Amino acid sequence: MRWDSLFDDLAGQVQAGERADLWAGERADLWAEVADLARAGRSEICWVERCLATSADVHLVLGPQPWAQVTGRCLQAAPQWLVLRTPAGDALVPTAAVRAVRRLPQRSGDLGGTTARRLGLGHVLRRLARDRVPVAVYTRGLPGELTGTIDGVGKDHFDLAEHAVDEYRRGDAVRAMVTVPFDGLSVVYVREQNRP
């Protein structure tokens, strides 16, 4: 009889161990599922949303040129563009022009409702054209800036009346009309008006 109780006791311990192993396995499976859900949740976040989540400066790398490094606080954003407050003025940057981002937080902000998400680059450029705001434009492939006023915005480009940034857009001040395709655009700086 004593042997029977000993074997029963050992069998109970084995079963308890198996249940503990089962629970440990279930717990490990649960943690793996939680981690998988976290990864899946992160896969829904755009880097632009992460720019909005910080009050600190983010650093956008647009290319190897010195002017192609834009650092500032993200003021507004949509899937196609973002606006940073920089020492050189507010910078409108197409998201397609960004090659890398430094100082980006892990958490994300909210791009807003569906209206904000639908605002494309053309919408913002049309607003600058409407307000006759002087701008400095940098494009891929050109070594320096183009300054002037945006005259009109098409589906995939805008026309810039090139003139000195401190002058009004008048016929005699315009040096040239330049068409800038959106695909070639790197950054548009909104310049403060210090005109006579």
C-alpha atoms as a PDB file:
ATOM      1  CA  MET A   1       0.000   0.000   0.000  1.00  0.00           C
ATOM      2  CA  ARG A   2       2.726   2.405   0.801  1.00  0.00           C
ATOM      3  CA  TRP A   3       4.174   1.890  -2.632  1.00  0.00           C
ATOM      4  CA  ASP A   4       0.812   2.676  -4.190  1.00  0.00           C
ATOM      5  CA  SER A   5       0.526   5.960  -2.337  1.00  0.00           C
ATOM      6  CA  LEU A   6       4.122   6.837  -3.226  1.00  0.00           C
ATOM      7  CA  PHE A   7       3.442   6.214  -6.910  1.00  0.00           C
ATOM      8  CA  ASP A   8       0.159   8.117  -6.684  1.00  0.00           C
ATOM      9  CA  ASP A   9       1.993  11.021  -5.075  1.00  0.00           C
ATOM     10  CA  LEU A  10       4.679  10.980  -7.769  1.00  0.00           C
ATOM     11  CA  ALA A  11       2.008  10.807 -10.493  1.00  0.00           C
ATOM     12  CA  GLY A  12       0.250  13.801  -8.905  1.00  0.00           C
ATOM     13  CA  GLN A  13       3.497  15.769  -8.879  1.00  0.00           C
ATOM     14  CA  VAL A  14       4.112  14.942 -12.536  1.00  0.00           C
ATOM     15  CA  GLN A  15       0.587  16.021 -13.448  1.00  0.00           C
ATOM     16  CA  ALA A  16       1.004  19.240 -11.453  1.00  0.00           C
ATOM     17  CA  GLY A  17       4.308  19.871 -13.209  1.00  0.00           C
ATOM     18  CA  GLU A  18       2.690  19.237 -16.560  1.00  0.00           C
ATOM     19  CA  ARG A  19      -0.069  21.711 -15.683  1.00  0.00           C
ATOM     20  CA  ALA A  20       2.561  24.257 -14.608  1.00  0.00           C
ATOM     21  CA  ASP A  21       4.461  23.650 -17.840  1.00  0.00           C
ATOM     22  CA  LEU A  22       1.220  23.992 -19.753  1.00  0.00           C
ATOM     23  CA  TRP A  23       0.431  27.265 -17.962  1.00  0.00           C
ATOM     24  CA  ALA A  24       3.971  28.538 -18.579  1.00  0.00           C
ATOM     25  CA  GLY A  25       3.613  27.607 -22.232  1.00  0.00           C
ATOM     26  CA  GLU A  26       0.225  29.321 -22.457  1.00  0.00           C
ATOM     27  CA  ARG A  27       1.669  32.396 -20.754  1.00  0.00           C
ATOM     28  CA  ALA A  28       4.594  32.440 -23.180  1.00  0.00           C
ATOM     29  CA  ASP A  29       2.136  32.097 -26.068  1.00  0.00           C
ATOM     30  CA  LEU A  30       0.111  34.978 -24.637  1.00  0.00           C
ATOM     31  CA  TRP A  31       3.191  37.215 -24.375  1.00  0.00           C
ATOM     32  CA  ALA A  32       4.195  36.282 -27.913  1.00  0.00           C
ATOM     33  CA  GLU A  33       0.699  37.219 -29.091  1.00  0.00           C
ATOM     34  CA  VAL A  34       0.868  40.554 -27.233  1.00  0.00           C
ATOM     35  CA  ALA A  35       4.248  41.294 -28.818  1.00  0.00           C
ATOM     36  CA  ASP A  36       2.875  40.334 -32.229  1.00  0.00           C
ATOM     37  CA  LEU A  37      -0.118  42.652 -31.751  1.00  0.00           C
ATOM     38  CA  ALA A  38       2.218  45.482 -30.725  1.00  0.00           C
ATOM     39  CA  ARG A  39       4.291  44.932 -33.865  1.00  0.00           C
ATOM     40  CA  ALA A  40       1.118  44.831 -35.960  1.00  0.00           C
ATOM     41  CA  GLY A  41      -0.085  48.063 -34.356  1.00  0.00           C
ATOM     42  CA  ARG A  42       3.200  49.746 -35.106  1.00  0.00           C
ATOM     43  CA  SER A  43       2.936  48.674 -38.741  1.00  0.00           C
ATOM     44  CA  GLU A  44      -0.087  50.990 -39.033  1.00  0.00           C
ATOM     45  CA  ILE A  45       1.880  54.095 -37.929  1.00  0.00           C
ATOM     46  CA  CYS A  46       3.330  56.502 -40.509  1.00  0.00           C
ATOM     47  CA  TRP A  47       6.632  58.242 -39.779  1.00  0.00           C
ATOM     48  CA  VAL A  48       4.869  61.578 -40.305  1.00  0.00           C
ATOM     49  CA  GLU A  49       2.579  60.739 -37.366  1.00  0.00           C
ATOM     50  CA  ARG A  50       5.670  60.170 -35.250  1.00  0.00           C
ATOM     51  CA  CYS A  51       6.950  63.642 -36.233  1.00  0.00           C
ATOM     52  CA  LEU A  52       3.730  65.151 -34.885  1.00  0.00           C
ATOM     53  CA  ALA A  53       4.128  63.357 -31.543  1.00  0.00           C
ATOM     54  CA  THR A  54       7.107  65.372 -30.376  1.00  0.00           C
ATOM     55  CA  SER A  55       7.532  68.968 -29.312  1.00  0.00           C
ATOM     56  CA  ALA A  56      11.271  68.571 -29.869  1.00  0.00           C
ATOM     57  CA  ASP A  57      12.964  69.220 -33.187  1.00  0.00           C
ATOM     58  CA  VAL A  58      13.165  66.510 -35.815  1.00  0.00           C
ATOM     59  CA  HIS A  59      15.925  66.436 -38.404  1.00  0.00           C
ATOM     60  CA  LEU A  60      14.965  65.619 -42.008  1.00  0.00           C
ATOM     61  CA  VAL A  61      17.647  64.538 -44.456  1.00  0.00           C
ATOM     62  CA  LEU A  62      16.626  65.363 -48.027  1.00  0.00           C
ATOM     63  CA  GLY A  63      19.973  64.804 -49.692  1.00  0.00           C
ATOM     64  CA  PRO A  64      23.727  65.305 -49.354  1.00  0.00           C
ATOM     65  CA  GLN A  65      23.729  69.085 -49.942  1.00  0.00           C
ATOM     66  CA  PRO A  66      24.082  71.402 -46.920  1.00  0.00           C
ATOM     67  CA  TRP A  67      20.691  72.997 -47.632  1.00  0.00           C
ATOM     68  CA  ALA A  68      19.089  69.547 -47.753  1.00  0.00           C
ATOM     69  CA  GLN A  69      19.157  69.154 -43.967  1.00  0.00           C
ATOM     70  CA  VAL A  70      15.997  70.587 -42.405  1.00  0.00           C
ATOM     71  CA  THR A  71      15.670  70.728 -38.618  1.00  0.00           C
ATOM     72  CA  GLY A  72      12.634  72.040 -36.796  1.00  0.00           C
ATOM     73  CA  ARG A  73       9.458  71.347 -34.863  1.00  0.00           C
ATOM     74  CA  CYS A  74       6.644  69.723 -36.814  1.00  0.00           C
ATOM     75  CA  LEU A  75       3.647  72.084 -36.921  1.00  0.00           C
ATOM     76  CA  GLN A  76       1.317  70.282 -39.310  1.00  0.00           C
ATOM     77  CA  ALA A  77       1.412  67.180 -41.447  1.00  0.00           C
ATOM     78  CA  ALA A  78      -0.479  65.010 -43.892  1.00  0.00           C
ATOM     79  CA  PRO A  79       0.569  61.870 -45.754  1.00  0.00           C
ATOM     80  CA  GLN A  80       2.097  63.906 -48.637  1.00  0.00           C
ATOM     81  CA  TRP A  81       3.718  66.788 -46.735  1.00  0.00           C
ATOM     82  CA  LEU A  82       4.753  68.265 -43.420  1.00  0.00           C
ATOM     83  CA  VAL A  83       5.534  71.767 -42.169  1.00  0.00           C
ATOM     84  CA  LEU A  84       8.450  72.372 -39.808  1.00  0.00           C
ATOM     85  CA  ARG A  85       9.157  75.577 -37.877  1.00  0.00           C
ATOM     86  CA  THR A  86      12.851  76.272 -38.548  1.00  0.00           C
ATOM     87  CA  PRO A  87      15.191  79.217 -37.903  1.00  0.00           C
ATOM     88  CA  ALA A  88      15.054  79.966 -41.665  1.00  0.00           C
ATOM     89  CA  GLY A  89      11.236  80.139 -41.662  1.00  0.00           C
ATOM     90  CA  ASP A  90       8.444  77.625 -41.915  1.00  0.00           C
ATOM     91  CA  ALA A  91       9.477  74.794 -44.225  1.00  0.00           C
ATOM     92  CA  LEU A  92       7.007  72.841 -46.365  1.00  0.00           C
ATOM     93  CA  VAL A  93       8.565  69.457 -47.130  1.00  0.00           C
ATOM     94  CA  PRO A  94       7.035  66.833 -49.425  1.00  0.00           C
ATOM     95  CA  THR A  95       7.245  63.462 -47.678  1.00  0.00           C
ATOM     96  CA  ALA A  96       8.533  61.940 -50.930  1.00  0.00           C
ATOM     97  CA  ALA A  97      11.635  64.164 -50.679  1.00  0.00           C
ATOM     98  CA  VAL A  98      12.679  62.827 -47.261  1.00  0.00           C
ATOM     99  CA  ARG A  99      15.512  60.287 -47.337  1.00  0.00           C
ATOM    100  CA  ALA A 100      15.984  59.841 -43.567  1.00  0.00           C
ATOM    101  CA  VAL A 101      14.713  61.256 -40.270  1.00  0.00           C
ATOM    102  CA  ARG A 102      16.707  61.775 -37.096  1.00  0.00           C
ATOM    103  CA  ARG A 103      15.377  62.415 -33.566  1.00  0.00           C
ATOM    104  CA  LEU A 104      12.060  60.697 -34.227  1.00  0.00           C
ATOM    105  CA  PRO A 105      10.114  59.507 -31.149  1.00  0.00           C
ATOM    106  CA  GLN A 106       8.673  55.994 -30.917  1.00  0.00           C
ATOM    107  CA  ARG A 107       5.176  57.220 -30.102  1.00  0.00           C
ATOM    108  CA  SER A 108       2.881  58.702 -32.724  1.00  0.00           C
ATOM    109  CA  GLY A 109       0.626  61.722 -33.004  1.00  0.00           C
ATOM    110  CA  ASP A 110      -2.646  62.069 -34.852  1.00  0.00           C
ATOM    111  CA  LEU A 111      -2.855  63.431 -38.390  1.00  0.00           C
ATOM    112  CA  GLY A 112      -6.386  64.522 -37.658  1.00  0.00           C
ATOM    113  CA  GLY A 113      -9.594  63.642 -39.409  1.00  0.00           C
ATOM    114  CA  THR A 114     -10.160  62.467 -42.933  1.00  0.00           C
ATOM    115  CA  THR A 115     -10.118  66.044 -44.250  1.00  0.00           C
ATOM    116  CA  ALA A 116      -6.541  66.593 -43.078  1.00  0.00           C
ATOM    117  CA  ARG A 117      -5.485  63.265 -44.581  1.00  0.00           C
ATOM    118  CA  ARG A 118      -6.933  64.269 -47.960  1.00  0.00           C
ATOM    119  CA  LEU A 119      -5.021  67.548 -48.170  1.00  0.00           C
ATOM    120  CA  GLY A 120      -2.335  66.954 -50.744  1.00  0.00           C
ATOM    121  CA  LEU A 121       0.782  68.960 -51.487  1.00  0.00           C
ATOM    122  CA  GLY A 122      -1.093  70.908 -54.171  1.00  0.00           C
ATOM    123  CA  HIS A 123      -3.609  72.181 -51.603  1.00  0.00           C
ATOM    124  CA  VAL A 124      -0.872  73.724 -49.462  1.00  0.00           C
ATOM    125  CA  LEU A 125       0.951  75.225 -52.457  1.00  0.00           C
ATOM    126  CA  ARG A 126      -2.326  76.737 -53.735  1.00  0.00           C
ATOM    127  CA  ARG A 127      -2.777  78.410 -50.354  1.00  0.00           C
ATOM    128  CA  LEU A 128       0.708  79.936 -50.617  1.00  0.00           C
ATOM    129  CA  ALA A 129      -0.111  81.109 -54.164  1.00  0.00           C
ATOM    130  CA  ARG A 130      -3.398  82.632 -53.015  1.00  0.00           C
ATOM    131  CA  ASP A 131      -1.717  84.540 -50.186  1.00  0.00           C
ATOM    132  CA  ARG A 132       1.111  85.738 -52.505  1.00  0.00           C
ATOM    133  CA  VAL A 133       3.665  84.670 -49.913  1.00  0.00           C
ATOM    134  CA  PRO A 134       7.350  85.049 -50.852  1.00  0.00           C
ATOM    135  CA  VAL A 135       9.096  81.678 -50.869  1.00  0.00           C
ATOM    136  CA  ALA A 136      12.523  80.129 -51.311  1.00  0.00           C
ATOM    137  CA  VAL A 137      12.358  76.848 -53.213  1.00  0.00           C
ATOM    138  CA  TYR A 138      14.987  74.098 -53.248  1.00  0.00           C
ATOM    139  CA  THR A 139      14.810  71.313 -55.787  1.00  0.00           C
ATOM    140  CA  ARG A 140      16.749  68.145 -56.423  1.00  0.00           C
ATOM    141  CA  GLY A 141      19.362  68.771 -59.046  1.00  0.00           C
ATOM    142  CA  LEU A 142      19.659  72.558 -58.689  1.00  0.00           C
ATOM    143  CA  PRO A 143      22.556  73.831 -56.589  1.00  0.00           C
ATOM    144  CA  GLY A 144      20.838  76.830 -54.993  1.00  0.00           C
ATOM    145  CA  GLU A 145      17.513  78.349 -54.161  1.00  0.00           C
ATOM    146  CA  LEU A 146      14.829  79.828 -56.352  1.00  0.00           C
ATOM    147  CA  THR A 147      13.064  82.785 -54.733  1.00  0.00           C
ATOM    148  CA  GLY A 148       9.822  84.427 -55.684  1.00  0.00           C
ATOM    149  CA  THR A 149       6.071  83.964 -55.582  1.00  0.00           C
ATOM    150  CA  ILE A 150       4.046  80.925 -56.568  1.00  0.00           C
ATOM    151  CA  ASP A 151       1.797  82.008 -59.446  1.00  0.00           C
ATOM    152  CA  GLY A 152      -0.212  78.854 -60.022  1.00  0.00           C
ATOM    153  CA  VAL A 153      -0.405  75.205 -59.061  1.00  0.00           C
ATOM    154  CA  GLY A 154      -1.214  72.324 -61.399  1.00  0.00           C
ATOM    155  CA  LYS A 155      -1.864  68.665 -60.730  1.00  0.00           C
ATOM    156  CA  ASP A 156       1.837  67.750 -60.559  1.00  0.00           C
ATOM    157  CA  HIS A 157       3.735  71.077 -60.672  1.00  0.00           C
ATOM    158  CA  PHE A 158       3.704  74.742 -59.735  1.00  0.00           C
ATOM    159  CA  ASP A 159       4.837  77.908 -61.519  1.00  0.00           C
ATOM    160  CA  LEU A 160       7.161  80.261 -59.675  1.00  0.00           C
ATOM    161  CA  ALA A 161       7.573  83.913 -60.649  1.00  0.00           C
ATOM    162  CA  GLU A 162      11.253  84.251 -59.813  1.00  0.00           C
ATOM    163  CA  HIS A 163      12.171  87.534 -58.119  1.00  0.00           C
ATOM    164  CA  ALA A 164      14.092  88.759 -55.081  1.00  0.00           C
ATOM    165  CA  VAL A 165      12.387  87.627 -51.902  1.00  0.00           C
ATOM    166  CA  ASP A 166      12.291  91.192 -50.532  1.00  0.00           C
ATOM    167  CA  GLU A 167      10.445  92.571 -53.593  1.00  0.00           C
ATOM    168  CA  TYR A 168       6.795  92.407 -54.545  1.00  0.00           C
ATOM    169  CA  ARG A 169       5.847  90.321 -57.545  1.00  0.00           C
ATOM    170  CA  ARG A 170       5.647  92.973 -60.246  1.00  0.00           C
ATOM    171  CA  GLY A 171       6.352  92.666 -63.952  1.00  0.00           C
ATOM    172  CA  ASP A 172       9.696  94.481 -63.807  1.00  0.00           C
ATOM    173  CA  ALA A 173      10.850  92.517 -60.725  1.00  0.00           C
ATOM    174  CA  VAL A 174      10.220  89.068 -62.255  1.00  0.00           C
ATOM    175  CA  ARG A 175      13.448  87.586 -63.656  1.00  0.00           C
ATOM    176  CA  ALA A 176      11.918  84.386 -65.013  1.00  0.00           C
ATOM    177  CA  MET A 177       8.994  82.004 -64.793  1.00  0.00           C
ATOM    178  CA  VAL A 178      10.072  78.590 -63.522  1.00  0.00           C
ATOM    179  CA  THR A 179       7.930  75.453 -63.529  1.00  0.00           C
ATOM    180  CA  VAL A 180       8.772  73.082 -60.677  1.00  0.00           C
ATOM    181  CA  PRO A 181       7.452  69.489 -60.874  1.00  0.00           C
ATOM    182  CA  PHE A 182       6.364  68.102 -57.503  1.00  0.00           C
ATOM    183  CA  ASP A 183       8.683  65.121 -58.068  1.00  0.00           C
ATOM    184  CA  GLY A 184      11.706  67.439 -58.091  1.00  0.00           C
ATOM    185  CA  LEU A 185      10.691  69.522 -55.083  1.00  0.00           C
ATOM    186  CA  SER A 186      12.743  69.225 -51.899  1.00  0.00           C
ATOM    187  CA  VAL A 187      11.588  72.070 -49.657  1.00  0.00           C
ATOM    188  CA  VAL A 188       9.687  75.376 -49.804  1.00  0.00           C
ATOM    189  CA  TYR A 189      10.612  77.966 -47.163  1.00  0.00           C
ATOM    190  CA  VAL A 190       8.023  80.620 -46.424  1.00  0.00           C
ATOM    191  CA  ARG A 191       9.919  83.888 -46.037  1.00  0.00           C
ATOM    192  CA  GLU A 192       8.790  86.687 -43.787  1.00  0.00           C
ATOM    193  CA  GLN A 193       7.910  89.799 -45.739  1.00  0.00           C
ATOM    194  CA  ASN A 194      10.410  92.583 -45.084  1.00  0.00           C
ATOM    195  CA  ARG A 195       9.419  94.764 -47.982  1.00  0.00           C
ATOM    196  CA  PRO A 196       9.567  98.549 -48.280  1.00  0.00           C
END
